[in-house]
Amino acid sequence: MADRNGFDRDSDMLEQEYDKSSQMTAVLSAELGRMQQSMLLTSREADSFANGMTSGLKRAFDGLIFDGMKLSDALTGIARSMSDTAYSIAMKPIKDAVSAALSQSLGGGAGGEPLPFAKGGAFAQGRVTAFAKGGVVSQPTHFHMRGGTGLMGEAGPEAIMPLTRGADGRLGVAAAGGTSRPVSVNITVNTPDVAGFARSQSQIAAQMGRLLARGQRNM
C-alpha cells in the first residue's frame, strides 16, 4: 500500500513537471513568434539564433526537471539566452566594420582586393623590393603594397624593369648596352689629280650618308 502511495506521489510530481514544461514551451513559442515579426534574419543569422536558443532551452529543461529549478528561473534563463544571442547577431556587422577599418588603417594588405597590373602601373614606398634588378613573372602572383594587395602576371608573362633617370631628367627604362661607343669610319680616296678628287666628292658624300643611316639603324 505504501509503495502504491509513493508511486502515486511520483506520478503527480512528474505530471506537475510536465505541466510546467508545457507552459514554458507555450511561452517560448509565443516569444519566438513575436521575434519573427520584429526581426528580419538572414539564413546564417537564423542558424546562429537557433543554435543559441537550443542550448538555452536545453539548460532550462535540465535545470527544471533534474535540478529542481523554479519555472520563473527557467524562463529567466531562456530570456537571457535569447537576449544574448540577439545581441551577438546585432553586433556582428558592427564588429566586422570596425575590424575592416582597423585593417585598412594599419595597412593590412590581406583584406584588400587585388589591384590588377595587366596594363602596367607604378607604386612606391613598398616594404620589400624583390625585383630591384628586374625580372619576369610568368604566372599570377600576389604582392603586398600599401593599402591592399597587387596582382601581376594574371594576363600572361610580365616583365619587371627598374626605372632610371637619363641625362635629360626623364624617367624610363634603360636599354641593355645603352652606352655609346665611338665609331671610326675610314674612307680612302685614290685620285690622280685635283680634278679627279673634285669629281669624287658626290660619291664620297653619298657613301657617308649610307654609313650614317646604317649606324643609326644599329643603335
N, C-alpha and C. Protein backbone atom coordinates (compact mmCIF):
# COMPACT_ATOMS: atom_id res chain seq x y z
N MET A 1 0.83 -1.20 0.00
CA MET A 1 0.00 0.00 0.00
C MET A 1 0.86 1.26 0.00
N ALA A 2 1.96 1.18 0.82
CA ALA A 2 2.87 2.33 0.88
C ALA A 2 3.54 2.56 -0.46
N ASP A 3 3.89 1.43 -1.13
CA ASP A 3 4.52 1.57 -2.44
C ASP A 3 3.56 2.21 -3.43
N ARG A 4 2.28 1.85 -3.29
CA ARG A 4 1.28 2.42 -4.21
C ARG A 4 1.16 3.92 -3.99
N ASN A 5 1.16 4.34 -2.72
CA ASN A 5 1.07 5.77 -2.42
C ASN A 5 2.30 6.52 -2.93
N GLY A 6 3.48 5.90 -2.76
CA GLY A 6 4.70 6.55 -3.25
C GLY A 6 4.69 6.67 -4.77
N PHE A 7 4.19 5.65 -5.44
CA PHE A 7 4.10 5.70 -6.90
C PHE A 7 3.15 6.79 -7.36
N ASP A 8 2.03 6.94 -6.62
CA ASP A 8 1.07 8.00 -6.98
C ASP A 8 1.70 9.38 -6.80
N ARG A 9 2.47 9.53 -5.70
CA ARG A 9 3.11 10.84 -5.49
C ARG A 9 4.12 11.14 -6.61
N ASP A 10 4.89 10.14 -7.01
CA ASP A 10 5.86 10.35 -8.10
C ASP A 10 5.15 10.70 -9.39
N SER A 11 4.01 10.03 -9.62
CA SER A 11 3.26 10.32 -10.85
C SER A 11 2.73 11.74 -10.83
N ASP A 12 2.23 12.17 -9.65
CA ASP A 12 1.71 13.54 -9.55
C ASP A 12 2.83 14.55 -9.78
N MET A 13 4.01 14.30 -9.20
CA MET A 13 5.13 15.23 -9.37
C MET A 13 5.57 15.29 -10.83
N LEU A 14 5.61 14.11 -11.48
CA LEU A 14 6.01 14.09 -12.88
C LEU A 14 5.00 14.84 -13.75
N GLU A 15 3.70 14.68 -13.40
CA GLU A 15 2.67 15.39 -14.15
C GLU A 15 2.78 16.89 -13.96
N GLN A 16 3.11 17.31 -12.74
CA GLN A 16 3.28 18.74 -12.49
C GLN A 16 4.47 19.30 -13.28
N GLU A 17 5.57 18.54 -13.28
CA GLU A 17 6.74 19.00 -14.03
C GLU A 17 6.43 19.06 -15.53
N TYR A 18 5.63 18.09 -16.00
CA TYR A 18 5.25 18.11 -17.41
C TYR A 18 4.40 19.33 -17.73
N ASP A 19 3.48 19.66 -16.79
CA ASP A 19 2.65 20.86 -16.99
C ASP A 19 3.52 22.11 -17.04
N LYS A 20 4.53 22.18 -16.16
CA LYS A 20 5.43 23.33 -16.17
C LYS A 20 6.19 23.42 -17.49
N SER A 21 6.63 22.25 -17.98
CA SER A 21 7.36 22.24 -19.25
C SER A 21 6.46 22.68 -20.39
N SER A 22 5.19 22.25 -20.35
CA SER A 22 4.25 22.65 -21.40
C SER A 22 4.02 24.16 -21.36
N GLN A 23 3.89 24.71 -20.15
CA GLN A 23 3.71 26.15 -20.04
C GLN A 23 4.94 26.90 -20.58
N MET A 24 6.12 26.39 -20.24
CA MET A 24 7.34 27.04 -20.70
C MET A 24 7.47 26.96 -22.22
N THR A 25 7.08 25.83 -22.79
CA THR A 25 7.13 25.68 -24.25
C THR A 25 6.17 26.65 -24.93
N ALA A 26 4.97 26.82 -24.34
CA ALA A 26 4.00 27.76 -24.91
C ALA A 26 4.53 29.19 -24.86
N VAL A 27 5.14 29.55 -23.73
CA VAL A 27 5.72 30.90 -23.61
C VAL A 27 6.83 31.09 -24.63
N LEU A 28 7.65 30.06 -24.80
CA LEU A 28 8.76 30.15 -25.75
C LEU A 28 8.25 30.30 -27.18
N SER A 29 7.21 29.55 -27.54
CA SER A 29 6.65 29.64 -28.88
C SER A 29 6.09 31.03 -29.15
N ALA A 30 5.40 31.58 -28.15
CA ALA A 30 4.86 32.93 -28.31
C ALA A 30 5.98 33.95 -28.49
N GLU A 31 7.06 33.80 -27.72
CA GLU A 31 8.17 34.73 -27.82
C GLU A 31 8.87 34.63 -29.17
N LEU A 32 9.02 33.42 -29.67
CA LEU A 32 9.63 33.23 -30.99
C LEU A 32 8.77 33.86 -32.08
N GLY A 33 7.45 33.69 -31.97
CA GLY A 33 6.57 34.32 -32.95
C GLY A 33 6.69 35.83 -32.94
N ARG A 34 6.80 36.40 -31.74
CA ARG A 34 6.94 37.86 -31.65
C ARG A 34 8.25 38.32 -32.27
N MET A 35 9.31 37.58 -32.05
CA MET A 35 10.61 37.97 -32.59
C MET A 35 10.66 37.80 -34.10
N GLN A 36 9.96 36.80 -34.63
CA GLN A 36 9.93 36.63 -36.08
C GLN A 36 9.26 37.81 -36.76
N GLN A 37 8.29 38.41 -36.10
CA GLN A 37 7.61 39.57 -36.68
C GLN A 37 8.45 40.83 -36.58
N SER A 38 9.33 40.92 -35.59
CA SER A 38 10.08 42.16 -35.36
C SER A 38 11.50 42.10 -35.88
N MET A 39 11.99 40.93 -36.31
CA MET A 39 13.37 40.79 -36.77
C MET A 39 13.38 40.15 -38.14
N LEU A 40 14.28 40.62 -38.98
CA LEU A 40 14.49 40.04 -40.30
C LEU A 40 15.88 39.43 -40.28
N LEU A 41 15.95 38.10 -40.29
CA LEU A 41 17.22 37.41 -40.14
C LEU A 41 17.62 36.75 -41.45
N THR A 42 18.91 36.78 -41.73
CA THR A 42 19.43 36.01 -42.85
C THR A 42 19.53 34.55 -42.43
N SER A 43 19.84 33.68 -43.39
CA SER A 43 19.91 32.25 -43.07
C SER A 43 21.01 31.96 -42.06
N ARG A 44 22.16 32.63 -42.21
CA ARG A 44 23.24 32.39 -41.26
C ARG A 44 22.89 32.91 -39.87
N GLU A 45 22.27 34.08 -39.81
CA GLU A 45 21.86 34.63 -38.52
C GLU A 45 20.78 33.78 -37.89
N ALA A 46 19.88 33.25 -38.73
CA ALA A 46 18.83 32.38 -38.19
C ALA A 46 19.42 31.10 -37.60
N ASP A 47 20.45 30.55 -38.27
CA ASP A 47 21.11 29.36 -37.73
C ASP A 47 21.78 29.68 -36.40
N SER A 48 22.45 30.82 -36.31
CA SER A 48 23.10 31.20 -35.05
C SER A 48 22.07 31.38 -33.94
N PHE A 49 20.97 32.02 -34.29
CA PHE A 49 19.93 32.23 -33.29
C PHE A 49 19.32 30.90 -32.84
N ALA A 50 19.09 30.00 -33.80
CA ALA A 50 18.51 28.70 -33.45
C ALA A 50 19.45 27.89 -32.57
N ASN A 51 20.75 27.93 -32.87
CA ASN A 51 21.71 27.20 -32.04
C ASN A 51 21.76 27.76 -30.62
N GLY A 52 21.76 29.09 -30.52
CA GLY A 52 21.75 29.69 -29.19
C GLY A 52 20.50 29.36 -28.41
N MET A 53 19.37 29.37 -29.09
CA MET A 53 18.12 29.06 -28.41
C MET A 53 18.06 27.59 -28.00
N THR A 54 18.61 26.71 -28.83
CA THR A 54 18.59 25.29 -28.50
C THR A 54 19.39 25.01 -27.24
N SER A 55 20.60 25.60 -27.15
CA SER A 55 21.41 25.38 -25.96
C SER A 55 20.76 26.00 -24.72
N GLY A 56 20.17 27.19 -24.88
CA GLY A 56 19.49 27.81 -23.73
C GLY A 56 18.28 27.03 -23.28
N LEU A 57 17.52 26.50 -24.22
CA LEU A 57 16.34 25.71 -23.87
C LEU A 57 16.73 24.41 -23.19
N LYS A 58 17.83 23.80 -23.65
CA LYS A 58 18.27 22.55 -23.03
C LYS A 58 18.71 22.78 -21.59
N ARG A 59 19.44 23.87 -21.36
CA ARG A 59 19.84 24.17 -19.99
C ARG A 59 18.63 24.42 -19.10
N ALA A 60 17.62 25.09 -19.63
CA ALA A 60 16.43 25.37 -18.83
C ALA A 60 15.67 24.10 -18.48
N PHE A 61 15.52 23.19 -19.46
CA PHE A 61 14.82 21.93 -19.19
C PHE A 61 15.61 21.08 -18.19
N ASP A 62 16.93 21.03 -18.36
CA ASP A 62 17.73 20.24 -17.42
C ASP A 62 17.60 20.79 -16.01
N GLY A 63 17.64 22.12 -15.89
CA GLY A 63 17.51 22.70 -14.56
C GLY A 63 16.13 22.50 -13.96
N LEU A 64 15.10 22.53 -14.82
CA LEU A 64 13.73 22.40 -14.32
C LEU A 64 13.42 20.98 -13.89
N ILE A 65 13.87 19.99 -14.65
CA ILE A 65 13.48 18.60 -14.39
C ILE A 65 14.45 17.93 -13.43
N PHE A 66 15.76 18.12 -13.64
CA PHE A 66 16.74 17.36 -12.85
C PHE A 66 17.27 18.13 -11.64
N ASP A 67 17.32 19.45 -11.71
CA ASP A 67 17.91 20.22 -10.61
C ASP A 67 16.87 20.92 -9.74
N GLY A 68 15.59 20.74 -10.04
CA GLY A 68 14.55 21.36 -9.23
C GLY A 68 14.47 22.86 -9.38
N MET A 69 14.84 23.39 -10.53
CA MET A 69 14.79 24.84 -10.76
C MET A 69 13.34 25.30 -10.83
N LYS A 70 13.09 26.50 -10.34
CA LYS A 70 11.75 27.07 -10.43
C LYS A 70 11.43 27.43 -11.88
N LEU A 71 10.16 27.43 -12.20
CA LEU A 71 9.73 27.78 -13.55
C LEU A 71 10.12 29.21 -13.90
N SER A 72 10.01 30.11 -12.93
CA SER A 72 10.38 31.51 -13.19
C SER A 72 11.87 31.63 -13.50
N ASP A 73 12.70 30.86 -12.77
CA ASP A 73 14.14 30.90 -13.04
C ASP A 73 14.45 30.33 -14.42
N ALA A 74 13.74 29.26 -14.80
CA ALA A 74 13.97 28.67 -16.12
C ALA A 74 13.60 29.65 -17.22
N LEU A 75 12.46 30.31 -17.07
CA LEU A 75 12.03 31.30 -18.07
C LEU A 75 13.00 32.47 -18.12
N THR A 76 13.52 32.87 -16.96
CA THR A 76 14.51 33.95 -16.95
C THR A 76 15.77 33.55 -17.69
N GLY A 77 16.20 32.29 -17.50
CA GLY A 77 17.38 31.82 -18.22
C GLY A 77 17.17 31.78 -19.72
N ILE A 78 15.98 31.36 -20.15
CA ILE A 78 15.69 31.34 -21.59
C ILE A 78 15.68 32.76 -22.16
N ALA A 79 15.07 33.68 -21.43
CA ALA A 79 15.03 35.07 -21.89
C ALA A 79 16.43 35.65 -21.99
N ARG A 80 17.28 35.33 -21.01
CA ARG A 80 18.65 35.83 -21.05
C ARG A 80 19.41 35.23 -22.23
N SER A 81 19.20 33.94 -22.50
CA SER A 81 19.86 33.31 -23.64
C SER A 81 19.41 33.93 -24.95
N MET A 82 18.11 34.22 -25.06
CA MET A 82 17.60 34.86 -26.27
C MET A 82 18.18 36.25 -26.44
N SER A 83 18.29 37.00 -25.34
CA SER A 83 18.84 38.35 -25.41
C SER A 83 20.30 38.32 -25.82
N ASP A 84 21.07 37.40 -25.23
CA ASP A 84 22.50 37.31 -25.56
C ASP A 84 22.69 36.94 -27.03
N THR A 85 21.89 35.99 -27.51
CA THR A 85 22.02 35.57 -28.91
C THR A 85 21.66 36.70 -29.86
N ALA A 86 20.54 37.38 -29.57
CA ALA A 86 20.13 38.50 -30.43
C ALA A 86 21.16 39.63 -30.40
N TYR A 87 21.75 39.88 -29.24
CA TYR A 87 22.77 40.93 -29.14
C TYR A 87 24.01 40.57 -29.96
N SER A 88 24.42 39.31 -29.89
CA SER A 88 25.59 38.89 -30.67
C SER A 88 25.34 39.04 -32.17
N ILE A 89 24.13 38.67 -32.62
CA ILE A 89 23.80 38.80 -34.04
C ILE A 89 23.77 40.26 -34.46
N ALA A 90 23.21 41.12 -33.61
CA ALA A 90 23.13 42.54 -33.95
C ALA A 90 24.49 43.21 -33.97
N MET A 91 25.41 42.76 -33.12
CA MET A 91 26.72 43.39 -33.03
C MET A 91 27.70 42.88 -34.07
N LYS A 92 27.41 41.75 -34.73
CA LYS A 92 28.37 41.18 -35.66
C LYS A 92 28.69 42.12 -36.83
N PRO A 93 27.70 42.76 -37.50
CA PRO A 93 28.07 43.69 -38.58
C PRO A 93 28.93 44.85 -38.10
N ILE A 94 28.66 45.33 -36.88
CA ILE A 94 29.47 46.43 -36.35
C ILE A 94 30.90 45.97 -36.10
N LYS A 95 31.06 44.78 -35.54
CA LYS A 95 32.40 44.25 -35.29
C LYS A 95 33.15 44.05 -36.60
N ASP A 96 32.46 43.54 -37.63
CA ASP A 96 33.12 43.35 -38.92
C ASP A 96 33.55 44.68 -39.52
N ALA A 97 32.70 45.70 -39.41
CA ALA A 97 33.05 47.01 -39.97
C ALA A 97 34.24 47.62 -39.25
N VAL A 98 34.27 47.49 -37.92
CA VAL A 98 35.40 48.03 -37.15
C VAL A 98 36.68 47.28 -37.49
N SER A 99 36.60 45.96 -37.63
CA SER A 99 37.79 45.18 -37.98
C SER A 99 38.32 45.57 -39.35
N ALA A 100 37.41 45.78 -40.32
CA ALA A 100 37.85 46.19 -41.66
C ALA A 100 38.49 47.56 -41.63
N ALA A 101 37.93 48.49 -40.85
CA ALA A 101 38.50 49.83 -40.76
C ALA A 101 39.88 49.80 -40.13
N LEU A 102 40.06 49.00 -39.08
CA LEU A 102 41.37 48.88 -38.46
C LEU A 102 42.38 48.26 -39.40
N SER A 103 41.96 47.25 -40.16
CA SER A 103 42.86 46.61 -41.11
C SER A 103 43.33 47.59 -42.16
N GLN A 104 42.42 48.43 -42.67
CA GLN A 104 42.80 49.42 -43.68
C GLN A 104 43.71 50.48 -43.09
N SER A 105 43.42 50.94 -41.87
CA SER A 105 44.23 52.00 -41.27
C SER A 105 45.62 51.52 -40.93
N LEU A 106 45.78 50.23 -40.61
CA LEU A 106 47.10 49.69 -40.29
C LEU A 106 47.84 49.21 -41.52
N GLY A 107 47.23 49.36 -42.68
CA GLY A 107 47.92 48.97 -43.91
C GLY A 107 47.94 47.49 -44.15
N GLY A 108 46.97 46.75 -43.59
CA GLY A 108 46.93 45.31 -43.83
C GLY A 108 46.51 45.02 -45.24
N GLY A 109 47.34 44.28 -45.97
CA GLY A 109 47.02 44.00 -47.36
C GLY A 109 46.14 42.80 -47.56
N ALA A 110 45.98 41.99 -46.52
CA ALA A 110 45.24 40.75 -46.73
C ALA A 110 43.77 40.99 -46.96
N GLY A 111 43.22 42.08 -46.42
CA GLY A 111 41.79 42.30 -46.55
C GLY A 111 41.39 43.07 -47.78
N GLY A 112 42.35 43.61 -48.54
CA GLY A 112 42.00 44.42 -49.70
C GLY A 112 41.85 43.59 -50.95
N GLU A 113 41.18 44.17 -51.94
CA GLU A 113 41.03 43.50 -53.21
C GLU A 113 42.31 43.63 -54.02
N PRO A 114 42.74 42.58 -54.74
CA PRO A 114 43.94 42.68 -55.56
C PRO A 114 43.78 43.73 -56.65
N LEU A 115 44.83 44.50 -56.88
CA LEU A 115 44.83 45.50 -57.93
C LEU A 115 45.51 44.93 -59.15
N PRO A 116 44.83 44.77 -60.29
CA PRO A 116 45.44 44.17 -61.47
C PRO A 116 46.44 45.11 -62.11
N PHE A 117 47.55 44.55 -62.61
CA PHE A 117 48.58 45.33 -63.27
C PHE A 117 48.84 44.80 -64.67
N ALA A 118 47.78 44.26 -65.32
CA ALA A 118 47.95 43.73 -66.67
C ALA A 118 48.34 44.83 -67.64
N LYS A 119 47.90 46.08 -67.39
CA LYS A 119 48.23 47.20 -68.26
C LYS A 119 49.34 48.07 -67.67
N GLY A 120 50.02 47.53 -66.66
CA GLY A 120 51.12 48.28 -66.08
C GLY A 120 50.67 49.11 -64.91
N GLY A 121 51.63 49.67 -64.21
CA GLY A 121 51.33 50.50 -63.06
C GLY A 121 52.60 50.78 -62.30
N ALA A 122 52.60 51.83 -61.53
CA ALA A 122 53.76 52.20 -60.74
C ALA A 122 53.33 52.39 -59.30
N PHE A 123 54.17 51.97 -58.36
CA PHE A 123 53.89 52.17 -56.96
C PHE A 123 55.21 52.39 -56.24
N ALA A 124 55.12 53.08 -55.12
CA ALA A 124 56.33 53.42 -54.38
C ALA A 124 56.10 53.15 -52.91
N GLN A 125 57.16 53.32 -52.11
CA GLN A 125 57.12 53.18 -50.67
C GLN A 125 56.73 51.78 -50.24
N GLY A 126 57.09 50.77 -51.01
CA GLY A 126 56.84 49.40 -50.60
C GLY A 126 57.83 48.95 -49.56
N ARG A 127 57.47 47.97 -48.79
CA ARG A 127 58.35 47.50 -47.72
C ARG A 127 59.41 46.55 -48.24
N VAL A 128 59.12 45.80 -49.30
CA VAL A 128 60.06 44.82 -49.82
C VAL A 128 60.23 45.05 -51.31
N THR A 129 61.46 45.09 -51.77
CA THR A 129 61.75 45.22 -53.20
C THR A 129 62.42 43.93 -53.64
N ALA A 130 61.63 43.06 -54.22
CA ALA A 130 62.14 41.74 -54.59
C ALA A 130 62.73 41.70 -55.99
N PHE A 131 62.48 42.72 -56.81
CA PHE A 131 62.94 42.74 -58.19
C PHE A 131 63.73 44.02 -58.45
N ALA A 132 64.71 44.29 -57.59
CA ALA A 132 65.48 45.53 -57.74
C ALA A 132 66.25 45.55 -59.05
N LYS A 133 66.63 44.38 -59.57
CA LYS A 133 67.36 44.30 -60.83
C LYS A 133 66.48 43.81 -61.97
N GLY A 134 65.19 43.81 -61.75
CA GLY A 134 64.28 43.37 -62.80
C GLY A 134 64.01 41.88 -62.74
N GLY A 135 63.11 41.42 -63.60
CA GLY A 135 62.75 40.01 -63.65
C GLY A 135 61.49 39.81 -64.45
N VAL A 136 61.07 38.55 -64.58
CA VAL A 136 59.89 38.18 -65.36
C VAL A 136 58.98 37.33 -64.47
N VAL A 137 57.69 37.68 -64.44
CA VAL A 137 56.68 36.91 -63.71
C VAL A 137 55.85 36.16 -64.74
N SER A 138 55.85 34.84 -64.67
CA SER A 138 55.18 34.01 -65.68
C SER A 138 53.85 33.44 -65.23
N GLN A 139 53.42 33.72 -64.01
CA GLN A 139 52.15 33.20 -63.52
C GLN A 139 51.53 34.23 -62.57
N PRO A 140 50.21 34.16 -62.34
CA PRO A 140 49.59 35.14 -61.44
C PRO A 140 50.24 35.11 -60.07
N THR A 141 50.68 36.27 -59.62
CA THR A 141 51.42 36.39 -58.37
C THR A 141 50.90 37.58 -57.59
N HIS A 142 50.58 37.37 -56.32
CA HIS A 142 50.13 38.46 -55.45
C HIS A 142 51.34 39.08 -54.76
N PHE A 143 51.26 40.38 -54.54
CA PHE A 143 52.30 41.06 -53.78
C PHE A 143 51.65 42.14 -52.93
N HIS A 144 52.24 42.35 -51.77
CA HIS A 144 51.69 43.33 -50.83
C HIS A 144 52.12 44.73 -51.23
N MET A 145 51.22 45.67 -51.07
CA MET A 145 51.51 47.07 -51.30
C MET A 145 50.70 47.89 -50.32
N ARG A 146 51.01 49.16 -50.22
CA ARG A 146 50.34 49.99 -49.22
C ARG A 146 48.84 50.08 -49.52
N GLY A 147 48.02 49.69 -48.56
CA GLY A 147 46.58 49.80 -48.69
C GLY A 147 45.91 48.65 -49.39
N GLY A 148 46.60 47.57 -49.72
CA GLY A 148 45.93 46.46 -50.41
C GLY A 148 46.92 45.43 -50.91
N THR A 149 46.49 44.66 -51.90
CA THR A 149 47.29 43.59 -52.49
C THR A 149 47.29 43.76 -53.99
N GLY A 150 48.47 43.71 -54.60
CA GLY A 150 48.59 43.81 -56.05
C GLY A 150 48.62 42.43 -56.69
N LEU A 151 48.26 42.37 -57.95
CA LEU A 151 48.24 41.12 -58.70
C LEU A 151 48.95 41.35 -60.02
N MET A 152 50.00 40.58 -60.29
CA MET A 152 50.74 40.71 -61.53
C MET A 152 50.86 39.34 -62.19
N GLY A 153 51.00 39.35 -63.49
CA GLY A 153 51.11 38.11 -64.25
C GLY A 153 49.79 37.43 -64.49
N GLU A 154 48.64 38.12 -64.23
CA GLU A 154 47.34 37.47 -64.39
C GLU A 154 46.92 37.36 -65.84
N ALA A 155 47.53 38.14 -66.75
CA ALA A 155 47.16 38.10 -68.16
C ALA A 155 48.30 37.57 -69.02
N GLY A 156 49.25 36.88 -68.41
CA GLY A 156 50.40 36.39 -69.16
C GLY A 156 51.69 36.87 -68.52
N PRO A 157 52.83 36.46 -69.08
CA PRO A 157 54.12 36.88 -68.52
C PRO A 157 54.26 38.40 -68.52
N GLU A 158 54.78 38.93 -67.43
CA GLU A 158 55.02 40.36 -67.30
C GLU A 158 56.47 40.58 -66.87
N ALA A 159 57.08 41.59 -67.45
CA ALA A 159 58.46 41.93 -67.12
C ALA A 159 58.49 43.06 -66.10
N ILE A 160 59.36 42.93 -65.13
CA ILE A 160 59.58 43.97 -64.14
C ILE A 160 60.94 44.58 -64.43
N MET A 161 60.96 45.86 -64.82
CA MET A 161 62.19 46.52 -65.23
C MET A 161 62.43 47.74 -64.36
N PRO A 162 63.62 47.88 -63.81
CA PRO A 162 63.92 49.05 -62.98
C PRO A 162 63.94 50.32 -63.82
N LEU A 163 63.52 51.43 -63.22
CA LEU A 163 63.49 52.72 -63.90
C LEU A 163 64.76 53.50 -63.59
N THR A 164 65.29 54.17 -64.59
CA THR A 164 66.46 55.02 -64.43
C THR A 164 66.16 56.40 -65.00
N ARG A 165 66.84 57.40 -64.48
CA ARG A 165 66.65 58.77 -64.95
C ARG A 165 67.82 59.17 -65.83
N GLY A 166 67.50 59.56 -67.05
CA GLY A 166 68.53 59.91 -68.01
C GLY A 166 69.11 61.29 -67.78
N ALA A 167 70.05 61.65 -68.65
CA ALA A 167 70.70 62.96 -68.53
C ALA A 167 69.72 64.10 -68.75
N ASP A 168 68.65 63.84 -69.51
CA ASP A 168 67.65 64.89 -69.76
C ASP A 168 66.61 64.99 -68.65
N GLY A 169 66.75 64.17 -67.58
CA GLY A 169 65.82 64.23 -66.46
C GLY A 169 64.61 63.35 -66.61
N ARG A 170 64.45 62.66 -67.74
CA ARG A 170 63.29 61.80 -67.94
C ARG A 170 63.50 60.45 -67.27
N LEU A 171 62.38 59.91 -66.74
CA LEU A 171 62.42 58.62 -66.07
C LEU A 171 61.93 57.56 -67.04
N GLY A 172 62.73 56.52 -67.23
CA GLY A 172 62.35 55.47 -68.17
C GLY A 172 63.18 54.23 -67.96
N VAL A 173 63.04 53.29 -68.90
CA VAL A 173 63.76 52.02 -68.86
C VAL A 173 65.00 52.15 -69.73
N ALA A 174 66.15 51.86 -69.16
CA ALA A 174 67.40 51.93 -69.91
C ALA A 174 67.61 50.64 -70.68
N ALA A 175 67.92 50.75 -71.97
CA ALA A 175 68.17 49.58 -72.79
C ALA A 175 69.52 48.98 -72.44
N ALA A 176 69.62 47.65 -72.55
CA ALA A 176 70.89 46.98 -72.26
C ALA A 176 71.94 47.42 -73.26
N GLY A 177 73.13 47.70 -72.75
CA GLY A 177 74.20 48.14 -73.63
C GLY A 177 73.95 49.52 -74.18
N GLY A 178 73.30 50.37 -73.41
CA GLY A 178 72.92 51.68 -73.91
C GLY A 178 74.07 52.66 -74.01
N THR A 179 75.22 52.36 -73.41
CA THR A 179 76.35 53.29 -73.51
C THR A 179 76.88 53.30 -74.93
N SER A 180 77.06 54.49 -75.47
CA SER A 180 77.52 54.63 -76.85
C SER A 180 79.03 54.43 -76.95
N ARG A 181 79.46 53.83 -78.04
CA ARG A 181 80.88 53.63 -78.30
C ARG A 181 81.29 54.44 -79.52
N PRO A 182 82.47 54.98 -79.49
CA PRO A 182 82.92 55.75 -80.66
C PRO A 182 83.05 54.86 -81.88
N VAL A 183 82.63 55.38 -83.02
CA VAL A 183 82.69 54.65 -84.29
C VAL A 183 83.66 55.38 -85.21
N SER A 184 84.60 54.64 -85.72
CA SER A 184 85.59 55.20 -86.65
C SER A 184 85.28 54.74 -88.06
N VAL A 185 85.21 55.67 -88.98
CA VAL A 185 84.96 55.38 -90.39
C VAL A 185 86.15 55.89 -91.20
N ASN A 186 86.78 54.99 -91.88
CA ASN A 186 87.94 55.35 -92.71
C ASN A 186 87.54 55.30 -94.18
N ILE A 187 87.76 56.38 -94.89
CA ILE A 187 87.47 56.47 -96.32
C ILE A 187 88.77 56.81 -97.05
N THR A 188 89.15 55.95 -97.96
CA THR A 188 90.38 56.15 -98.73
C THR A 188 90.03 56.56 -100.15
N VAL A 189 90.59 57.67 -100.62
CA VAL A 189 90.32 58.19 -101.96
C VAL A 189 91.64 58.18 -102.75
N ASN A 190 91.63 57.48 -103.86
CA ASN A 190 92.78 57.45 -104.77
C ASN A 190 92.41 58.21 -106.04
N THR A 191 93.09 59.28 -106.30
CA THR A 191 92.80 60.08 -107.50
C THR A 191 94.12 60.61 -108.07
N PRO A 192 94.22 60.63 -109.39
CA PRO A 192 95.50 61.07 -109.98
C PRO A 192 95.73 62.58 -109.89
N ASP A 193 94.65 63.35 -109.76
CA ASP A 193 94.85 64.81 -109.75
C ASP A 193 93.70 65.47 -108.97
N VAL A 194 93.78 66.78 -108.84
CA VAL A 194 92.77 67.51 -108.09
C VAL A 194 91.42 67.47 -108.78
N ALA A 195 91.39 67.50 -110.09
CA ALA A 195 90.12 67.45 -110.82
C ALA A 195 89.39 66.13 -110.56
N GLY A 196 90.13 65.04 -110.52
CA GLY A 196 89.51 63.74 -110.22
C GLY A 196 88.95 63.69 -108.81
N PHE A 197 89.63 64.32 -107.86
CA PHE A 197 89.12 64.37 -106.48
C PHE A 197 87.82 65.16 -106.40
N ALA A 198 87.75 66.26 -107.17
CA ALA A 198 86.53 67.06 -107.19
C ALA A 198 85.36 66.26 -107.73
N ARG A 199 85.63 65.42 -108.74
CA ARG A 199 84.55 64.60 -109.30
C ARG A 199 84.08 63.53 -108.31
N SER A 200 84.94 63.13 -107.38
CA SER A 200 84.59 62.07 -106.42
C SER A 200 83.86 62.59 -105.19
N GLN A 201 83.72 63.90 -105.04
CA GLN A 201 83.08 64.45 -103.83
C GLN A 201 81.63 63.97 -103.68
N SER A 202 80.87 63.94 -104.79
CA SER A 202 79.47 63.49 -104.69
C SER A 202 79.38 62.03 -104.29
N GLN A 203 80.29 61.20 -104.81
CA GLN A 203 80.29 59.78 -104.45
C GLN A 203 80.66 59.60 -102.97
N ILE A 204 81.61 60.40 -102.50
CA ILE A 204 82.02 60.30 -101.09
C ILE A 204 80.86 60.72 -100.17
N ALA A 205 80.15 61.79 -100.54
CA ALA A 205 79.02 62.25 -99.72
C ALA A 205 77.91 61.20 -99.67
N ALA A 206 77.61 60.55 -100.80
CA ALA A 206 76.58 59.51 -100.81
C ALA A 206 76.98 58.32 -99.95
N GLN A 207 78.26 57.93 -100.01
CA GLN A 207 78.74 56.80 -99.21
C GLN A 207 78.67 57.12 -97.72
N MET A 208 79.03 58.34 -97.32
CA MET A 208 78.95 58.72 -95.91
C MET A 208 77.50 58.75 -95.43
N GLY A 209 76.59 59.19 -96.31
CA GLY A 209 75.17 59.17 -95.93
C GLY A 209 74.67 57.77 -95.66
N ARG A 210 75.09 56.82 -96.52
CA ARG A 210 74.67 55.43 -96.31
C ARG A 210 75.25 54.87 -95.02
N LEU A 211 76.50 55.21 -94.71
CA LEU A 211 77.12 54.72 -93.48
C LEU A 211 76.43 55.30 -92.24
N LEU A 212 76.07 56.57 -92.28
CA LEU A 212 75.38 57.18 -91.14
C LEU A 212 74.00 56.57 -90.93
N ALA A 213 73.29 56.33 -92.04
CA ALA A 213 71.97 55.71 -91.91
C ALA A 213 72.07 54.31 -91.33
N ARG A 214 73.08 53.54 -91.77
CA ARG A 214 73.27 52.19 -91.24
C ARG A 214 73.63 52.24 -89.76
N GLY A 215 74.44 53.20 -89.38
CA GLY A 215 74.80 53.31 -87.96
C GLY A 215 73.61 53.66 -87.08
N GLN A 216 72.72 54.52 -87.57
CA GLN A 216 71.53 54.86 -86.79
C GLN A 216 70.60 53.68 -86.61
N ARG A 217 70.51 52.83 -87.65
CA ARG A 217 69.65 51.64 -87.52
C ARG A 217 70.22 50.66 -86.51
N ASN A 218 71.51 50.60 -86.34
CA ASN A 218 72.15 49.64 -85.44
C ASN A 218 72.26 50.15 -84.00
N MET A 219 71.88 51.38 -83.75
CA MET A 219 71.99 51.91 -82.39
C MET A 219 70.90 51.32 -81.50
